[in-house]
Amino acid sequence: MSSTYGTLFRISTFGESHGAAIGVVIDGCPAGLPFDTAFIQSELDRRKPGQSRITTQRRENDEFEVLSGVFEGKTTGTPVALLIRNEDQRSKDYSHISEQFRPSHADYTYQQKYSIRDYRGGGRSSARETAARVAAGALAKLLLHGLGVRVQAYVSQVGTMKLETPYQQLDLAQAEENAVRCPDPAMAERMFQYIDETRKRGDSIGGVVSCVAQGVPAGWGEPVFDKLHAELGKAMLSINAVKGFEYGSGFAGVEQYGSEHNDEFYTDESGNVRTRTNHSGGIQGGISNGEDIYFRVAFKPVATIMQDQPSVDVHGQPVTVSGKGRHDPCVVPRAVPIVEAMAALVLADFYLRDKAGRLH
């Protein structure tokens, strides 16, 4: 089913942008996991709209309700259901496109697939749905934290402004100290101004979110079709506005010789097998090798812009689509917790699959 993701740690999200609520059912979460309400809410707060003038001004508290699966502060092993009510819908902002197809949106494709579509904010195709993923991802993070696994994402590029510093040389905690979520304060300020100037022109701009997972032991993943990097790629490409995914050396690796690109093995002082370099991005043969897993996710410019654009309507007639409503001029600052959430869901799932596939 298209609204369900995962094998053992499995989520199903529901709801539309302008419906009564959105939510998620998490099935397969182990019993006895401490349910940290404050942490889950803090993750939702990182994604919610209205954080600064460079994000959509839709006002949603994104406070979640627990419907099932938690008792006396711990998960029970039964499905955990979380609900987030929509509070600030302005459906009238979308009445003008009830029969129009917005350029680069899912309007036309949803109409072709279902012969009906909820045009209010994009309905199910809206990025509003990702709040449910962040809530589920927060629970996955709590599971991973107990295993010593940490997932940290940050904005590494906005338009042509690219942070070239390797993540090992950055204090990634600083990403949460500014509205852009870039761990380089000087670059963050430049990016903020760039996004704000783009917003004032009624336009939008894309960017890149980089992500690092540390503490993942060797052995998570599956061969052939369910490779760890394949699942990470699927998870990231399922996020709204994502146009590309690369891990490890990525496309830049094609410029190297094998003698340069190969990661040499050695045994460290503690007797652990390590690699001297990490062009593999912590994954070899589709299975984690114990090194940092790192990848990058490319987001396109937000499709809704405050400018008139030519298009057609449901009858195939030419129309002019006028941009209205409240939209992010650049999605990447709010996409950081979404990328982290999806990465955590993938890793939590593979952790449980690894346990299920071993006798020891």
Protein backbone atom coordinates (compact mmCIF):
# COMPACT_ATOMS: atom_id res chain seq x y z
CA MET A 1 0.00 0.00 0.00
CA SER A 2 1.34 3.42 -0.92
CA SER A 3 0.68 4.91 2.51
CA THR A 4 2.55 2.15 4.38
CA TYR A 5 6.32 1.89 4.77
CA GLY A 6 8.61 -0.60 6.52
CA THR A 7 8.86 -4.35 7.08
CA LEU A 8 8.97 -4.95 10.84
CA PHE A 9 8.99 -1.37 12.12
CA ARG A 10 6.09 -0.35 9.90
CA ILE A 11 4.18 2.91 9.60
CA SER A 12 0.94 3.91 7.88
CA THR A 13 0.14 7.60 7.58
CA PHE A 14 -3.27 9.11 6.90
CA GLY A 15 -4.98 12.47 6.41
CA GLU A 16 -4.96 15.44 4.07
CA SER A 17 -3.61 18.97 4.24
CA HIS A 18 -7.03 20.55 4.83
CA GLY A 19 -8.81 17.63 6.46
CA ALA A 20 -9.63 17.37 10.15
CA ALA A 21 -6.31 15.78 11.07
CA ILE A 22 -3.30 13.81 9.93
CA GLY A 23 -1.78 10.90 11.76
CA VAL A 24 0.24 7.71 11.78
CA VAL A 25 -0.08 4.15 13.01
CA ILE A 26 3.25 2.57 13.98
CA ASP A 27 3.19 -1.21 14.05
CA GLY A 28 6.07 -3.38 15.25
CA CYS A 29 7.55 -1.02 17.83
CA PRO A 30 8.96 -3.23 20.62
CA ALA A 31 7.19 -3.24 23.97
CA GLY A 32 8.75 -1.42 26.90
CA LEU A 33 10.29 1.48 24.98
CA PRO A 34 10.07 4.64 27.12
CA PHE A 35 7.67 6.99 25.35
CA ASP A 36 9.27 10.43 25.62
CA THR A 37 6.40 12.80 24.87
CA ALA A 38 8.55 15.94 25.16
CA PHE A 39 11.11 14.60 22.69
CA ILE A 40 8.50 13.62 20.12
CA GLN A 41 6.89 17.06 20.41
CA SER A 42 10.26 18.76 20.04
CA GLU A 43 10.83 16.87 16.78
CA LEU A 44 7.44 18.02 15.48
CA ASP A 45 8.26 21.58 16.52
CA ARG A 46 11.35 21.47 14.29
CA ARG A 47 9.18 20.69 11.26
CA LYS A 48 6.09 22.77 11.95
CA PRO A 49 5.30 25.83 9.80
CA GLY A 50 5.64 29.46 10.81
CA GLN A 51 9.15 29.20 12.27
CA SER A 52 10.53 32.30 10.55
CA ARG A 53 9.82 34.63 7.65
CA ILE A 54 11.53 32.20 5.24
CA THR A 55 8.96 29.46 5.93
CA THR A 56 5.23 29.21 5.26
CA GLN A 57 3.20 31.37 7.63
CA ARG A 58 0.55 28.71 8.16
CA ARG A 59 0.13 28.44 11.94
CA GLU A 60 -0.06 24.90 13.24
CA ASN A 61 0.88 23.88 16.78
CA ASP A 62 1.32 20.29 15.59
CA GLU A 63 0.59 18.98 19.07
CA PHE A 64 0.03 15.25 18.90
CA GLU A 65 -2.41 12.98 20.68
CA VAL A 66 -1.72 9.36 21.60
CA LEU A 67 -4.65 7.14 20.67
CA SER A 68 -3.20 3.73 21.43
CA GLY A 69 -0.12 1.63 22.10
CA VAL A 70 1.23 3.49 25.15
CA PHE A 71 0.60 2.70 28.80
CA GLU A 72 2.25 4.18 31.88
CA GLY A 73 4.87 5.93 29.77
CA LYS A 74 5.98 2.92 27.75
CA THR A 75 5.03 1.26 24.48
CA THR A 76 2.94 -1.87 24.88
CA GLY A 77 4.00 -3.69 21.70
CA THR A 78 0.62 -3.06 20.09
CA PRO A 79 0.14 -0.47 17.31
CA VAL A 80 0.96 3.07 18.41
CA ALA A 81 -1.51 5.56 16.89
CA LEU A 82 -0.69 9.28 16.91
CA LEU A 83 -3.01 12.06 15.76
CA ILE A 84 -2.19 15.67 14.81
CA ARG A 85 -5.18 17.92 14.28
CA ASN A 86 -5.16 20.57 11.55
CA GLU A 87 -5.94 23.99 12.99
CA ASP A 88 -5.14 26.68 10.40
CA GLN A 89 -6.62 25.63 7.08
CA ARG A 90 -7.58 28.32 4.59
CA SER A 91 -9.28 26.25 1.93
CA LYS A 92 -10.59 29.36 0.16
CA ASP A 93 -7.00 30.15 -0.85
CA TYR A 94 -7.24 27.20 -3.26
CA SER A 95 -10.71 27.65 -4.73
CA HIS A 96 -9.26 29.31 -7.83
CA ILE A 97 -7.37 26.12 -8.79
CA SER A 98 -10.25 23.68 -8.29
CA GLU A 99 -10.18 23.02 -12.05
CA GLN A 100 -6.66 24.16 -12.85
CA PHE A 101 -3.43 22.19 -12.91
CA ARG A 102 -0.59 23.96 -11.14
CA PRO A 103 2.77 23.59 -12.92
CA SER A 104 5.03 20.90 -11.37
CA HIS A 105 2.40 19.94 -8.80
CA ALA A 106 0.61 16.59 -8.45
CA ASP A 107 -2.72 18.06 -9.56
CA TYR A 108 -2.74 16.55 -13.05
CA THR A 109 -1.33 13.15 -12.10
CA TYR A 110 -3.72 12.69 -9.17
CA GLN A 111 -6.63 13.63 -11.45
CA GLN A 112 -5.49 11.09 -14.03
CA LYS A 113 -5.03 8.32 -11.46
CA TYR A 114 -8.13 8.81 -9.32
CA SER A 115 -10.47 10.91 -11.50
CA ILE A 116 -10.91 13.07 -8.39
CA ARG A 117 -8.57 15.19 -6.30
CA ASP A 118 -8.61 17.28 -3.16
CA TYR A 119 -7.33 20.60 -4.48
CA ARG A 120 -7.23 22.21 -1.01
CA GLY A 121 -3.52 22.54 -0.34
CA GLY A 122 -2.84 19.50 -2.49
CA GLY A 123 -4.76 17.14 -0.23
CA ARG A 124 -2.79 13.94 0.31
CA SER A 125 0.08 15.11 -1.92
CA SER A 126 0.80 18.01 0.44
CA ALA A 127 3.99 18.06 2.51
CA ARG A 128 1.66 18.45 5.50
CA GLU A 129 1.62 14.63 5.52
CA THR A 130 5.29 14.60 6.56
CA ALA A 131 4.39 15.72 10.08
CA ALA A 132 3.08 12.20 10.64
CA ARG A 133 6.41 10.79 9.44
CA VAL A 134 8.31 13.02 11.84
CA ALA A 135 6.19 11.81 14.75
CA ALA A 136 6.87 8.18 13.80
CA GLY A 137 10.53 8.93 13.15
CA ALA A 138 10.84 10.40 16.64
CA LEU A 139 9.74 7.06 18.08
CA ALA A 140 12.28 5.31 15.85
CA LYS A 141 14.93 7.71 17.12
CA LEU A 142 14.08 6.81 20.71
CA LEU A 143 14.64 3.15 19.84
CA LEU A 144 17.95 3.95 18.12
CA HIS A 145 19.16 6.20 20.95
CA GLY A 146 19.09 3.19 23.26
CA LEU A 147 21.43 1.43 20.83
CA GLY A 148 23.88 4.33 20.64
CA VAL A 149 22.80 5.32 17.10
CA ARG A 150 22.44 9.02 16.29
CA VAL A 151 21.00 10.57 13.12
CA GLN A 152 21.82 14.22 12.32
CA ALA A 153 20.89 16.15 9.18
CA TYR A 154 21.66 19.72 8.13
CA VAL A 155 21.31 22.09 5.18
CA SER A 156 24.45 21.96 3.06
CA GLN A 157 23.27 23.86 -0.01
CA VAL A 158 20.71 26.46 -1.04
CA GLY A 159 20.65 27.27 -4.73
CA THR A 160 24.26 27.88 -5.75
CA MET A 161 25.43 28.44 -2.16
CA LYS A 162 27.19 25.23 -1.15
CA LEU A 163 28.83 24.33 2.17
CA GLU A 164 32.02 22.53 1.12
CA THR A 165 33.31 21.72 4.63
CA PRO A 166 33.21 17.96 5.38
CA TYR A 167 30.75 17.04 8.13
CA GLN A 168 33.61 15.73 10.30
CA GLN A 169 34.90 19.29 10.60
CA LEU A 170 31.54 20.81 11.52
CA ASP A 171 29.74 21.14 14.83
CA LEU A 172 26.45 19.71 13.61
CA ALA A 173 24.69 20.82 16.79
CA GLN A 174 24.95 24.40 15.47
CA ALA A 175 22.46 23.52 12.74
CA GLU A 176 19.67 24.06 15.25
CA GLU A 177 20.96 27.51 16.17
CA ASN A 178 19.66 29.27 13.05
CA ALA A 179 16.54 29.33 10.87
CA VAL A 180 18.24 27.74 7.86
CA ARG A 181 19.64 24.77 9.86
CA CYS A 182 23.11 25.14 8.40
CA PRO A 183 25.90 24.36 10.92
CA ASP A 184 28.15 27.12 9.54
CA PRO A 185 26.84 30.41 11.03
CA ALA A 186 28.34 32.64 8.33
CA MET A 187 27.00 30.49 5.50
CA ALA A 188 23.65 30.19 7.29
CA GLU A 189 23.28 33.99 7.30
CA ARG A 190 24.10 34.19 3.58
CA MET A 191 21.61 31.42 2.84
CA PHE A 192 18.92 33.14 4.92
CA GLN A 193 19.30 36.38 2.99
CA TYR A 194 19.28 34.49 -0.31
CA ILE A 195 16.03 32.68 0.57
CA ASP A 196 14.45 35.89 1.86
CA GLU A 197 15.33 37.80 -1.31
CA THR A 198 13.86 34.94 -3.35
CA ARG A 199 10.68 35.10 -1.27
CA LYS A 200 10.33 38.84 -1.84
CA ARG A 201 10.46 38.24 -5.60
CA GLY A 202 7.61 35.77 -5.31
CA ASP A 203 9.89 32.91 -6.35
CA SER A 204 11.36 29.78 -4.78
CA ILE A 205 14.73 28.01 -4.64
CA GLY A 206 15.92 24.44 -4.04
CA GLY A 207 18.67 23.00 -1.88
CA VAL A 208 20.40 19.97 -0.41
CA VAL A 209 20.06 18.32 2.99
CA SER A 210 23.02 16.21 4.13
CA CYS A 211 22.58 13.50 6.75
CA VAL A 212 24.92 11.43 8.93
CA ALA A 213 24.06 8.31 10.93
CA GLN A 214 26.69 7.45 13.53
CA GLY A 215 26.96 4.39 15.75
CA VAL A 216 25.34 1.99 13.28
CA PRO A 217 27.03 -1.39 13.82
CA ALA A 218 28.26 -3.58 10.98
CA GLY A 219 25.68 -6.01 9.67
CA TRP A 220 22.47 -4.00 9.21
CA GLY A 221 20.96 -4.36 5.76
CA GLU A 222 20.06 -7.06 3.28
CA PRO A 223 21.67 -8.30 0.06
CA VAL A 224 20.26 -7.93 -3.46
CA PHE A 225 16.94 -6.04 -3.48
CA ASP A 226 16.68 -4.74 0.09
CA LYS A 227 20.09 -3.13 0.29
CA LEU A 228 20.42 -0.58 3.08
CA HIS A 229 21.27 2.22 0.68
CA ALA A 230 18.40 1.21 -1.62
CA GLU A 231 15.92 1.53 1.24
CA LEU A 232 17.43 4.84 2.31
CA GLY A 233 17.09 6.05 -1.27
CA LYS A 234 13.45 4.93 -1.45
CA ALA A 235 12.68 6.58 1.88
CA MET A 236 14.25 9.88 0.85
CA LEU A 237 12.72 9.90 -2.62
CA SER A 238 9.29 9.42 -1.02
CA ILE A 239 9.61 12.87 0.60
CA ASN A 240 7.82 15.70 -1.19
CA ALA A 241 10.00 17.75 -3.59
CA VAL A 242 12.97 15.36 -3.48
CA LYS A 243 14.69 15.01 -6.86
CA GLY A 244 17.91 13.20 -6.02
CA PHE A 245 19.72 10.95 -3.53
CA GLU A 246 23.39 9.99 -3.30
CA TYR A 247 25.38 8.30 -0.57
CA GLY A 248 29.08 8.04 0.15
CA SER A 249 31.16 9.47 -2.66
CA GLY A 250 28.05 9.60 -4.83
CA PHE A 251 28.39 10.96 -8.35
CA ALA A 252 31.76 12.53 -7.53
CA GLY A 253 33.18 9.02 -7.15
CA VAL A 254 33.10 8.48 -10.91
CA GLU A 255 36.05 10.87 -11.21
CA GLN A 256 38.32 8.63 -9.11
CA TYR A 257 40.33 5.54 -9.96
CA GLY A 258 39.59 2.37 -8.05
CA SER A 259 42.97 2.69 -6.37
CA GLU A 260 41.83 6.04 -4.98
CA HIS A 261 38.26 5.10 -4.19
CA ASN A 262 38.73 1.75 -2.42
CA ASP A 263 38.40 1.89 1.37
CA GLU A 264 41.31 0.00 2.94
CA PHE A 265 40.54 -2.21 5.92
CA TYR A 266 42.62 -2.26 9.10
CA THR A 267 42.21 -3.42 12.69
CA ASP A 268 42.17 -0.65 15.29
CA GLU A 269 43.62 -0.72 18.80
CA SER A 270 40.41 -2.23 20.17
CA GLY A 271 40.47 -5.07 17.67
CA ASN A 272 37.67 -3.66 15.52
CA VAL A 273 37.81 -3.88 11.74
CA ARG A 274 37.67 -0.34 10.31
CA THR A 275 38.29 1.43 7.01
CA ARG A 276 40.88 4.18 6.58
CA THR A 277 38.59 6.13 4.25
CA ASN A 278 34.83 6.05 3.85
CA HIS A 279 34.01 6.57 0.19
CA SER A 280 31.50 3.73 0.63
CA GLY A 281 29.40 5.89 2.93
CA GLY A 282 29.29 3.22 5.62
CA ILE A 283 27.57 0.66 3.38
CA GLN A 284 29.12 -2.16 1.35
CA GLY A 285 27.14 -4.83 -0.47
CA GLY A 286 23.98 -3.21 0.84
CA ILE A 287 25.01 -3.87 4.46
CA SER A 288 26.42 -1.43 7.03
CA ASN A 289 30.15 -1.81 7.73
CA GLY A 290 30.30 0.09 11.03
CA GLU A 291 31.53 3.39 9.62
CA ASP A 292 29.42 6.57 9.47
CA ILE A 293 26.56 6.38 7.00
CA TYR A 294 26.30 9.66 5.14
CA PHE A 295 24.17 10.79 2.24
CA ARG A 296 22.73 13.84 0.52
CA VAL A 297 19.17 14.61 -0.57
CA ALA A 298 18.34 17.16 -3.28
CA PHE A 299 15.11 19.17 -3.07
CA LYS A 300 13.65 21.05 -6.02
CA PRO A 301 12.37 24.63 -5.77
CA VAL A 302 8.89 24.71 -4.25
CA ALA A 303 6.39 24.45 -7.11
CA THR A 304 4.00 27.13 -5.84
CA ILE A 305 5.37 30.59 -6.54
CA MET A 306 3.71 33.99 -6.15
CA GLN A 307 3.79 34.63 -9.88
CA ASP A 308 1.36 34.01 -12.73
CA GLN A 309 2.15 30.90 -14.77
CA PRO A 310 0.55 29.46 -17.93
CA SER A 311 -1.13 26.07 -17.63
CA VAL A 312 -4.31 24.20 -18.61
CA ASP A 313 -7.50 23.28 -16.80
CA VAL A 314 -9.33 19.95 -16.43
CA HIS A 315 -10.88 20.52 -19.87
CA GLY A 316 -7.48 21.01 -21.51
CA GLN A 317 -8.07 24.73 -22.03
CA PRO A 318 -5.27 27.30 -21.52
CA VAL A 319 -5.42 29.16 -18.20
CA THR A 320 -3.22 31.40 -16.10
CA VAL A 321 -2.48 30.02 -12.66
CA SER A 322 -2.00 32.65 -9.98
CA GLY A 323 0.08 31.76 -6.92
CA LYS A 324 -1.86 32.18 -3.69
CA GLY A 325 -1.75 30.74 -0.20
CA ARG A 326 1.10 30.26 2.26
CA HIS A 327 4.15 28.39 1.03
CA ASP A 328 7.84 27.94 1.81
CA PRO A 329 10.16 29.81 -0.57
CA CYS A 330 12.71 27.07 0.17
CA VAL A 331 11.78 23.73 1.68
CA VAL A 332 15.15 22.56 3.02
CA PRO A 333 15.17 24.23 6.46
CA ARG A 334 11.99 22.38 7.45
CA ALA A 335 13.03 19.25 5.54
CA VAL A 336 15.94 18.54 7.91
CA PRO A 337 13.81 16.76 10.58
CA ILE A 338 11.91 14.93 7.82
CA VAL A 339 15.13 13.50 6.38
CA GLU A 340 16.23 12.48 9.87
CA ALA A 341 12.86 10.85 10.55
CA MET A 342 12.90 8.77 7.39
CA ALA A 343 16.51 7.70 8.00
CA ALA A 344 15.63 6.69 11.56
CA LEU A 345 12.65 4.65 10.33
CA VAL A 346 14.86 2.78 7.86
CA LEU A 347 17.52 2.06 10.48
CA ALA A 348 15.02 0.99 13.15
CA ASP A 349 13.46 -1.40 10.67
CA PHE A 350 16.81 -2.93 9.73
CA TYR A 351 17.76 -3.24 13.39
CA LEU A 352 14.67 -5.38 14.02
CA ARG A 353 15.25 -7.34 10.82
CA ASP A 354 18.83 -8.02 11.89
CA LYS A 355 17.62 -9.32 15.26
CA ALA A 356 15.01 -11.51 13.58
CA GLY A 357 17.56 -13.03 11.24
CA ARG A 358 20.08 -14.15 13.90
CA LEU A 359 20.22 -16.94 16.44
CA HIS A 360 22.68 -14.97 18.59
